[in-house]
Amino acid sequence: MTQQLEISPDLDPEALGRILQQQGRLQVAKFFTAETADYLHRIHVENKDWYLAYNDGNNYFESSVQQIQAAGPQQQQQLMNSIYARARSQFQYVFYQYYISQAIDLKEQPGHPMHQIHEFMNSEEVLNLMRTLTGERAIRKADSYASNYAPGHFLTAHDDRHDSHDRVAAYVFSMTDNWDKNWGGHLAFFDDADNIEEAFVPTFNSLNIFLVPQMHSVQLVSPFAGRNRTSYLGWLHR
């Protein structure tokens, strides 16, 4: 069963937009109403349709959780070892994801509760909000994913530029509750000297939004993290 997704009425989009347009990034606490945030968290936790997403250079792979489990512990460790080895010298990522927009385009799993995020992000109300926040009136659509970073998962530094997609900004609805700062998983932004200029800790019911291009990463989730780092995310496109 789905329910209507509601943004907190206490937000001031014009004021938030001035900050984002000046600083290039913004974290908005309590973005959704409490009822909506609890609902989005619940359907995320209950979701069984996860795929391990990772890359090998410019080749991108997704393996279902069932495929990974069937491979057995030894092959799973070999896969992770190869991913860690590549991460030493090149762009690399590994995490669980459910590509919401793609599933909708392929007409897979109609009625899946997470598909609401795609419909929500592409509603005229939300697109207008994102236009106000970014100052970019030409935004015409958004794509949507759900992500689930387990201990040992990460996303190394990159700037979100894409050869065939005109991305205005990236958005992340953080759904991670009771996160400890020592568990890693921060959305980190880098200056020209490769110092971390700012980092957003995973926080329940927050919007993290930043203009593209901007060098950033998701820091390694510590092996001793007490839970997974969970979110909905995507890009706003011209």
C-alpha atoms as a PDB file:
ATOM      1  CA  MET A   1       0.000   0.000   0.000  1.00  0.00           C
ATOM      2  CA  THR A   2       1.287   3.463  -0.912  1.00  0.00           C
ATOM      3  CA  GLN A   3       0.680   6.782   0.749  1.00  0.00           C
ATOM      4  CA  GLN A   4       0.983  10.405  -0.264  1.00  0.00           C
ATOM      5  CA  LEU A   5       4.478  11.863   0.104  1.00  0.00           C
ATOM      6  CA  GLU A   6       4.469  15.230   1.813  1.00  0.00           C
ATOM      7  CA  ILE A   7       7.224  17.815   2.210  1.00  0.00           C
ATOM      8  CA  SER A   8       7.467  19.683   5.503  1.00  0.00           C
ATOM      9  CA  PRO A   9       5.420  22.899   5.328  1.00  0.00           C
ATOM     10  CA  ASP A  10       8.031  24.652   7.474  1.00  0.00           C
ATOM     11  CA  LEU A  11      10.634  24.901   4.693  1.00  0.00           C
ATOM     12  CA  ASP A  12      11.468  28.252   3.084  1.00  0.00           C
ATOM     13  CA  PRO A  13      12.482  27.365  -0.510  1.00  0.00           C
ATOM     14  CA  GLU A  14      13.568  30.891  -1.434  1.00  0.00           C
ATOM     15  CA  ALA A  15      15.903  31.193   1.554  1.00  0.00           C
ATOM     16  CA  LEU A  16      17.271  27.688   1.055  1.00  0.00           C
ATOM     17  CA  GLY A  17      17.800  28.424  -2.634  1.00  0.00           C
ATOM     18  CA  ARG A  18      19.928  31.461  -1.846  1.00  0.00           C
ATOM     19  CA  ILE A  19      22.231  29.283   0.276  1.00  0.00           C
ATOM     20  CA  LEU A  20      22.494  26.515  -2.314  1.00  0.00           C
ATOM     21  CA  GLN A  21      23.162  28.889  -5.191  1.00  0.00           C
ATOM     22  CA  GLN A  22      25.830  30.738  -3.197  1.00  0.00           C
ATOM     23  CA  GLN A  23      27.579  27.775  -1.588  1.00  0.00           C
ATOM     24  CA  GLY A  24      26.922  25.050  -4.163  1.00  0.00           C
ATOM     25  CA  ARG A  25      25.668  22.535  -1.615  1.00  0.00           C
ATOM     26  CA  LEU A  26      23.080  22.325   1.117  1.00  0.00           C
ATOM     27  CA  GLN A  27      21.776  19.960   3.792  1.00  0.00           C
ATOM     28  CA  VAL A  28      18.132  20.450   4.742  1.00  0.00           C
ATOM     29  CA  ALA A  29      16.995  18.810   7.974  1.00  0.00           C
ATOM     30  CA  LYS A  30      13.460  17.399   8.378  1.00  0.00           C
ATOM     31  CA  PHE A  31      12.684  17.693   4.676  1.00  0.00           C
ATOM     32  CA  PHE A  32       9.611  15.442   4.755  1.00  0.00           C
ATOM     33  CA  THR A  33       6.815  15.423   7.297  1.00  0.00           C
ATOM     34  CA  ALA A  34       7.473  12.929  10.081  1.00  0.00           C
ATOM     35  CA  GLU A  35       4.799  10.555   8.780  1.00  0.00           C
ATOM     36  CA  THR A  36       6.248  10.561   5.244  1.00  0.00           C
ATOM     37  CA  ALA A  37       9.813  10.096   6.498  1.00  0.00           C
ATOM     38  CA  ASP A  38       8.797   7.095   8.611  1.00  0.00           C
ATOM     39  CA  TYR A  39       6.971   5.585   5.644  1.00  0.00           C
ATOM     40  CA  LEU A  40       9.901   6.058   3.241  1.00  0.00           C
ATOM     41  CA  HIS A  41      12.262   4.573   5.807  1.00  0.00           C
ATOM     42  CA  ARG A  42      10.011   1.560   6.295  1.00  0.00           C
ATOM     43  CA  ILE A  43       9.661   0.694   2.602  1.00  0.00           C
ATOM     44  CA  HIS A  44      13.426   1.079   2.219  1.00  0.00           C
ATOM     45  CA  VAL A  45      14.105  -1.327   5.086  1.00  0.00           C
ATOM     46  CA  GLU A  46      11.499  -3.791   3.811  1.00  0.00           C
ATOM     47  CA  ASN A  47      12.757  -3.762   0.219  1.00  0.00           C
ATOM     48  CA  LYS A  48      14.165  -7.116  -0.943  1.00  0.00           C
ATOM     49  CA  ASP A  49      15.065  -6.053  -4.499  1.00  0.00           C
ATOM     50  CA  TRP A  50      18.705  -5.052  -4.070  1.00  0.00           C
ATOM     51  CA  TYR A  51      21.535  -5.359  -6.563  1.00  0.00           C
ATOM     52  CA  LEU A  52      25.237  -5.101  -5.821  1.00  0.00           C
ATOM     53  CA  ALA A  53      26.416  -2.271  -8.084  1.00  0.00           C
ATOM     54  CA  TYR A  54      30.113  -1.925  -8.891  1.00  0.00           C
ATOM     55  CA  ASN A  55      32.410  -0.982 -11.747  1.00  0.00           C
ATOM     56  CA  ASP A  56      35.575  -2.184 -13.407  1.00  0.00           C
ATOM     57  CA  GLY A  57      36.897   0.881 -15.204  1.00  0.00           C
ATOM     58  CA  ASN A  58      34.140   2.038 -17.569  1.00  0.00           C
ATOM     59  CA  ASN A  59      32.276  -1.264 -17.304  1.00  0.00           C
ATOM     60  CA  TYR A  60      29.345  -1.255 -14.888  1.00  0.00           C
ATOM     61  CA  PHE A  61      27.776  -4.286 -13.255  1.00  0.00           C
ATOM     62  CA  GLU A  62      24.757  -5.196 -11.169  1.00  0.00           C
ATOM     63  CA  SER A  63      24.325  -8.564  -9.475  1.00  0.00           C
ATOM     64  CA  SER A  64      21.243  -9.430  -7.462  1.00  0.00           C
ATOM     65  CA  VAL A  65      21.627 -10.240  -3.798  1.00  0.00           C
ATOM     66  CA  GLN A  66      20.531 -13.774  -4.644  1.00  0.00           C
ATOM     67  CA  GLN A  67      23.324 -14.115  -7.230  1.00  0.00           C
ATOM     68  CA  ILE A  68      25.901 -12.820  -4.783  1.00  0.00           C
ATOM     69  CA  GLN A  69      24.752 -15.182  -2.052  1.00  0.00           C
ATOM     70  CA  ALA A  70      24.764 -18.149  -4.443  1.00  0.00           C
ATOM     71  CA  ALA A  71      28.399 -17.436  -5.346  1.00  0.00           C
ATOM     72  CA  GLY A  72      29.548 -18.463  -1.865  1.00  0.00           C
ATOM     73  CA  PRO A  73      31.847 -16.757   0.657  1.00  0.00           C
ATOM     74  CA  GLN A  74      35.122 -17.387  -1.190  1.00  0.00           C
ATOM     75  CA  GLN A  75      33.974 -15.864  -4.469  1.00  0.00           C
ATOM     76  CA  GLN A  76      32.316 -12.991  -2.633  1.00  0.00           C
ATOM     77  CA  GLN A  77      35.610 -12.180  -0.912  1.00  0.00           C
ATOM     78  CA  GLN A  78      37.521 -12.448  -4.203  1.00  0.00           C
ATOM     79  CA  LEU A  79      35.103  -9.961  -5.771  1.00  0.00           C
ATOM     80  CA  MET A  80      35.518  -7.490  -2.926  1.00  0.00           C
ATOM     81  CA  ASN A  81      39.309  -7.888  -2.964  1.00  0.00           C
ATOM     82  CA  SER A  82      39.392  -7.030  -6.679  1.00  0.00           C
ATOM     83  CA  ILE A  83      37.171  -3.998  -6.083  1.00  0.00           C
ATOM     84  CA  TYR A  84      39.408  -2.759  -3.251  1.00  0.00           C
ATOM     85  CA  ALA A  85      42.528  -3.298  -5.384  1.00  0.00           C
ATOM     86  CA  ARG A  86      41.124  -1.165  -8.219  1.00  0.00           C
ATOM     87  CA  ALA A  87      40.073   1.553  -5.775  1.00  0.00           C
ATOM     88  CA  ARG A  88      43.720   2.212  -4.925  1.00  0.00           C
ATOM     89  CA  SER A  89      44.336   3.917  -8.256  1.00  0.00           C
ATOM     90  CA  GLN A  90      41.069   4.592 -10.102  1.00  0.00           C
ATOM     91  CA  PHE A  91      37.450   5.600  -9.759  1.00  0.00           C
ATOM     92  CA  GLN A  92      35.576   2.805  -8.014  1.00  0.00           C
ATOM     93  CA  TYR A  93      32.341   2.143  -6.205  1.00  0.00           C
ATOM     94  CA  VAL A  94      30.467  -0.717  -4.588  1.00  0.00           C
ATOM     95  CA  PHE A  95      27.082  -0.618  -2.848  1.00  0.00           C
ATOM     96  CA  TYR A  96      23.596  -2.086  -3.083  1.00  0.00           C
ATOM     97  CA  GLN A  97      21.101  -0.204  -5.206  1.00  0.00           C
ATOM     98  CA  TYR A  98      17.648  -0.419  -6.713  1.00  0.00           C
ATOM     99  CA  TYR A  99      17.422   1.658  -9.905  1.00  0.00           C
ATOM    100  CA  ILE A 100      13.880   2.958  -9.572  1.00  0.00           C
ATOM    101  CA  SER A 101      13.641   4.922 -12.821  1.00  0.00           C
ATOM    102  CA  GLN A 102      15.027   2.067 -14.893  1.00  0.00           C
ATOM    103  CA  ALA A 103      12.584  -0.415 -13.371  1.00  0.00           C
ATOM    104  CA  ILE A 104       9.715   1.915 -14.291  1.00  0.00           C
ATOM    105  CA  ASP A 105      11.018   2.421 -17.845  1.00  0.00           C
ATOM    106  CA  LEU A 106      11.276  -1.355 -18.306  1.00  0.00           C
ATOM    107  CA  LYS A 107       7.844  -1.885 -16.733  1.00  0.00           C
ATOM    108  CA  GLU A 108       9.364  -4.112 -14.074  1.00  0.00           C
ATOM    109  CA  GLN A 109       7.611  -4.719 -10.747  1.00  0.00           C
ATOM    110  CA  PRO A 110       4.634  -2.390 -11.325  1.00  0.00           C
ATOM    111  CA  GLY A 111       3.233  -1.124  -8.067  1.00  0.00           C
ATOM    112  CA  HIS A 112       6.557  -1.419  -6.230  1.00  0.00           C
ATOM    113  CA  PRO A 113       6.273   1.081  -3.338  1.00  0.00           C
ATOM    114  CA  MET A 114       9.648   2.658  -4.093  1.00  0.00           C
ATOM    115  CA  HIS A 115       8.403   3.702  -7.539  1.00  0.00           C
ATOM    116  CA  GLN A 116       6.586   6.532  -5.759  1.00  0.00           C
ATOM    117  CA  ILE A 117       9.892   8.361  -5.429  1.00  0.00           C
ATOM    118  CA  HIS A 118      10.211   8.666  -9.214  1.00  0.00           C
ATOM    119  CA  GLU A 119       6.640   9.931  -9.539  1.00  0.00           C
ATOM    120  CA  PHE A 120       7.167  12.334  -6.625  1.00  0.00           C
ATOM    121  CA  MET A 121      10.403  13.759  -8.038  1.00  0.00           C
ATOM    122  CA  ASN A 122       8.869  14.258 -11.486  1.00  0.00           C
ATOM    123  CA  SER A 123       5.703  15.943 -10.241  1.00  0.00           C
ATOM    124  CA  GLU A 124       5.423  19.580 -11.269  1.00  0.00           C
ATOM    125  CA  GLU A 125       5.290  20.626  -7.620  1.00  0.00           C
ATOM    126  CA  VAL A 126       8.634  19.044  -6.763  1.00  0.00           C
ATOM    127  CA  LEU A 127      10.308  20.033 -10.050  1.00  0.00           C
ATOM    128  CA  ASN A 128       9.302  23.624  -9.337  1.00  0.00           C
ATOM    129  CA  LEU A 129      10.756  23.332  -5.836  1.00  0.00           C
ATOM    130  CA  MET A 130      14.024  22.047  -7.268  1.00  0.00           C
ATOM    131  CA  ARG A 131      14.052  24.878  -9.828  1.00  0.00           C
ATOM    132  CA  THR A 132      13.676  27.356  -6.972  1.00  0.00           C
ATOM    133  CA  LEU A 133      16.440  25.726  -4.931  1.00  0.00           C
ATOM    134  CA  THR A 134      18.953  25.491  -7.784  1.00  0.00           C
ATOM    135  CA  GLY A 135      17.973  28.664  -9.634  1.00  0.00           C
ATOM    136  CA  GLU A 136      17.802  26.619 -12.830  1.00  0.00           C
ATOM    137  CA  ARG A 137      14.409  27.029 -14.500  1.00  0.00           C
ATOM    138  CA  ALA A 138      15.329  24.618 -17.327  1.00  0.00           C
ATOM    139  CA  ILE A 139      15.142  21.516 -15.075  1.00  0.00           C
ATOM    140  CA  ARG A 140      12.747  19.139 -16.842  1.00  0.00           C
ATOM    141  CA  LYS A 141      13.083  15.768 -15.109  1.00  0.00           C
ATOM    142  CA  ALA A 142      14.708  13.729 -12.337  1.00  0.00           C
ATOM    143  CA  ASP A 143      15.887  10.154 -12.123  1.00  0.00           C
ATOM    144  CA  SER A 144      15.721   8.083  -8.963  1.00  0.00           C
ATOM    145  CA  TYR A 145      17.576   5.296  -7.191  1.00  0.00           C
ATOM    146  CA  ALA A 146      17.568   3.736  -3.753  1.00  0.00           C
ATOM    147  CA  SER A 147      20.966   2.987  -2.238  1.00  0.00           C
ATOM    148  CA  ASN A 148      22.062   0.790   0.633  1.00  0.00           C
ATOM    149  CA  TYR A 149      25.719   0.969   1.726  1.00  0.00           C
ATOM    150  CA  ALA A 150      26.752  -1.962   3.906  1.00  0.00           C
ATOM    151  CA  PRO A 151      30.002  -2.022   5.905  1.00  0.00           C
ATOM    152  CA  GLY A 152      32.895  -1.957   3.441  1.00  0.00           C
ATOM    153  CA  HIS A 153      30.980  -0.096   0.722  1.00  0.00           C
ATOM    154  CA  PHE A 154      32.130   3.249  -0.720  1.00  0.00           C
ATOM    155  CA  LEU A 155      32.127   5.616  -3.699  1.00  0.00           C
ATOM    156  CA  THR A 156      35.436   7.277  -4.573  1.00  0.00           C
ATOM    157  CA  ALA A 157      35.872  10.887  -5.651  1.00  0.00           C
ATOM    158  CA  HIS A 158      34.184  12.117  -8.848  1.00  0.00           C
ATOM    159  CA  ASP A 159      32.319  15.239 -10.005  1.00  0.00           C
ATOM    160  CA  ASP A 160      29.075  13.782 -11.499  1.00  0.00           C
ATOM    161  CA  ARG A 161      29.691  15.139 -15.001  1.00  0.00           C
ATOM    162  CA  HIS A 162      28.277  12.842 -17.680  1.00  0.00           C
ATOM    163  CA  ASP A 163      28.894  12.755 -21.430  1.00  0.00           C
ATOM    164  CA  SER A 164      25.244  12.255 -22.399  1.00  0.00           C
ATOM    165  CA  HIS A 165      23.232  13.608 -19.438  1.00  0.00           C
ATOM    166  CA  ASP A 166      22.941  17.331 -18.673  1.00  0.00           C
ATOM    167  CA  ARG A 167      22.914  17.189 -14.879  1.00  0.00           C
ATOM    168  CA  VAL A 168      22.109  20.358 -12.966  1.00  0.00           C
ATOM    169  CA  ALA A 169      22.305  18.974  -9.431  1.00  0.00           C
ATOM    170  CA  ALA A 170      22.380  15.780  -7.412  1.00  0.00           C
ATOM    171  CA  TYR A 171      19.932  15.116  -4.599  1.00  0.00           C
ATOM    172  CA  VAL A 172      20.017  12.615  -1.721  1.00  0.00           C
ATOM    173  CA  PHE A 173      17.181  11.940   0.702  1.00  0.00           C
ATOM    174  CA  SER A 174      19.030  10.421   3.648  1.00  0.00           C
ATOM    175  CA  MET A 175      17.016   7.764   5.468  1.00  0.00           C
ATOM    176  CA  THR A 176      19.703   6.604   7.876  1.00  0.00           C
ATOM    177  CA  ASP A 177      18.652   6.726  11.514  1.00  0.00           C
ATOM    178  CA  ASN A 178      20.872   6.788  14.623  1.00  0.00           C
ATOM    179  CA  TRP A 179      24.148   6.991  12.698  1.00  0.00           C
ATOM    180  CA  ASP A 180      27.420   7.380  14.577  1.00  0.00           C
ATOM    181  CA  LYS A 181      29.944   9.780  13.032  1.00  0.00           C
ATOM    182  CA  ASN A 182      32.688   7.202  13.555  1.00  0.00           C
ATOM    183  CA  TRP A 183      30.997   4.765  11.172  1.00  0.00           C
ATOM    184  CA  GLY A 184      32.051   6.732   8.059  1.00  0.00           C
ATOM    185  CA  GLY A 185      29.688   7.025   5.118  1.00  0.00           C
ATOM    186  CA  HIS A 186      29.923  10.827   4.997  1.00  0.00           C
ATOM    187  CA  LEU A 187      29.092  12.644   1.770  1.00  0.00           C
ATOM    188  CA  ALA A 188      32.406  14.480   1.498  1.00  0.00           C
ATOM    189  CA  PHE A 189      33.309  17.452  -0.724  1.00  0.00           C
ATOM    190  CA  PHE A 190      36.898  18.281  -1.706  1.00  0.00           C
ATOM    191  CA  ASP A 191      38.759  21.514  -2.401  1.00  0.00           C
ATOM    192  CA  ASP A 192      41.444  21.982  -5.059  1.00  0.00           C
ATOM    193  CA  ALA A 193      44.123  20.673  -2.668  1.00  0.00           C
ATOM    194  CA  ASP A 194      42.144  17.438  -2.058  1.00  0.00           C
ATOM    195  CA  ASN A 195      41.267  18.454   1.485  1.00  0.00           C
ATOM    196  CA  ILE A 196      37.764  17.628   2.667  1.00  0.00           C
ATOM    197  CA  GLU A 197      36.114  21.034   2.588  1.00  0.00           C
ATOM    198  CA  GLU A 198      32.794  19.888   4.030  1.00  0.00           C
ATOM    199  CA  ALA A 199      31.099  16.575   4.808  1.00  0.00           C
ATOM    200  CA  PHE A 200      27.485  15.660   5.512  1.00  0.00           C
ATOM    201  CA  VAL A 201      26.909  12.865   7.992  1.00  0.00           C
ATOM    202  CA  PRO A 202      24.116  10.382   7.157  1.00  0.00           C
ATOM    203  CA  THR A 203      21.080  11.863   8.905  1.00  0.00           C
ATOM    204  CA  PHE A 204      17.497  10.651   9.023  1.00  0.00           C
ATOM    205  CA  ASN A 205      15.003  12.658   6.933  1.00  0.00           C
ATOM    206  CA  SER A 206      17.434  15.148   5.413  1.00  0.00           C
ATOM    207  CA  LEU A 207      17.866  16.422   1.863  1.00  0.00           C
ATOM    208  CA  ASN A 208      21.445  16.751   0.688  1.00  0.00           C
ATOM    209  CA  ILE A 209      21.579  18.643  -2.601  1.00  0.00           C
ATOM    210  CA  PHE A 210      24.560  19.989  -4.529  1.00  0.00           C
ATOM    211  CA  LEU A 211      25.234  21.588  -7.892  1.00  0.00           C
ATOM    212  CA  VAL A 212      27.097  19.672 -10.602  1.00  0.00           C
ATOM    213  CA  PRO A 213      30.024  19.519 -11.262  1.00  0.00           C
ATOM    214  CA  GLN A 214      31.518  19.216  -7.785  1.00  0.00           C
ATOM    215  CA  MET A 215      34.196  16.814  -6.556  1.00  0.00           C
ATOM    216  CA  HIS A 216      32.768  14.528  -3.875  1.00  0.00           C
ATOM    217  CA  SER A 217      32.734  10.981  -2.551  1.00  0.00           C
ATOM    218  CA  VAL A 218      30.897   8.714  -0.150  1.00  0.00           C
ATOM    219  CA  GLN A 219      33.450   7.741   2.462  1.00  0.00           C
ATOM    220  CA  LEU A 220      33.977   4.068   3.271  1.00  0.00           C
ATOM    221  CA  VAL A 221      31.366   2.675   5.642  1.00  0.00           C
ATOM    222  CA  SER A 222      33.373   1.264   8.504  1.00  0.00           C
ATOM    223  CA  PRO A 223      33.510  -2.514   9.063  1.00  0.00           C
ATOM    224  CA  PHE A 224      32.231  -1.856  12.603  1.00  0.00           C
ATOM    225  CA  ALA A 225      29.247   0.271  11.502  1.00  0.00           C
ATOM    226  CA  GLY A 226      26.143  -0.721  13.404  1.00  0.00           C
ATOM    227  CA  ARG A 227      23.754  -0.475  10.436  1.00  0.00           C
ATOM    228  CA  ASN A 228      23.648   0.290   6.723  1.00  0.00           C
ATOM    229  CA  ARG A 229      23.696   3.778   5.188  1.00  0.00           C
ATOM    230  CA  THR A 230      20.343   4.129   3.405  1.00  0.00           C
ATOM    231  CA  SER A 231      19.019   6.787   1.040  1.00  0.00           C
ATOM    232  CA  TYR A 232      17.061   7.727  -2.068  1.00  0.00           C
ATOM    233  CA  LEU A 233      18.978   9.727  -4.652  1.00  0.00           C
ATOM    234  CA  GLY A 234      19.292  10.869  -8.231  1.00  0.00           C
ATOM    235  CA  TRP A 235      20.012  13.811 -10.500  1.00  0.00           C
ATOM    236  CA  LEU A 236      18.042  16.768 -11.777  1.00  0.00           C
ATOM    237  CA  HIS A 237      18.376  17.137 -15.550  1.00  0.00           C
ATOM    238  CA  ARG A 238      17.902  19.960 -18.031  1.00  0.00           C
END
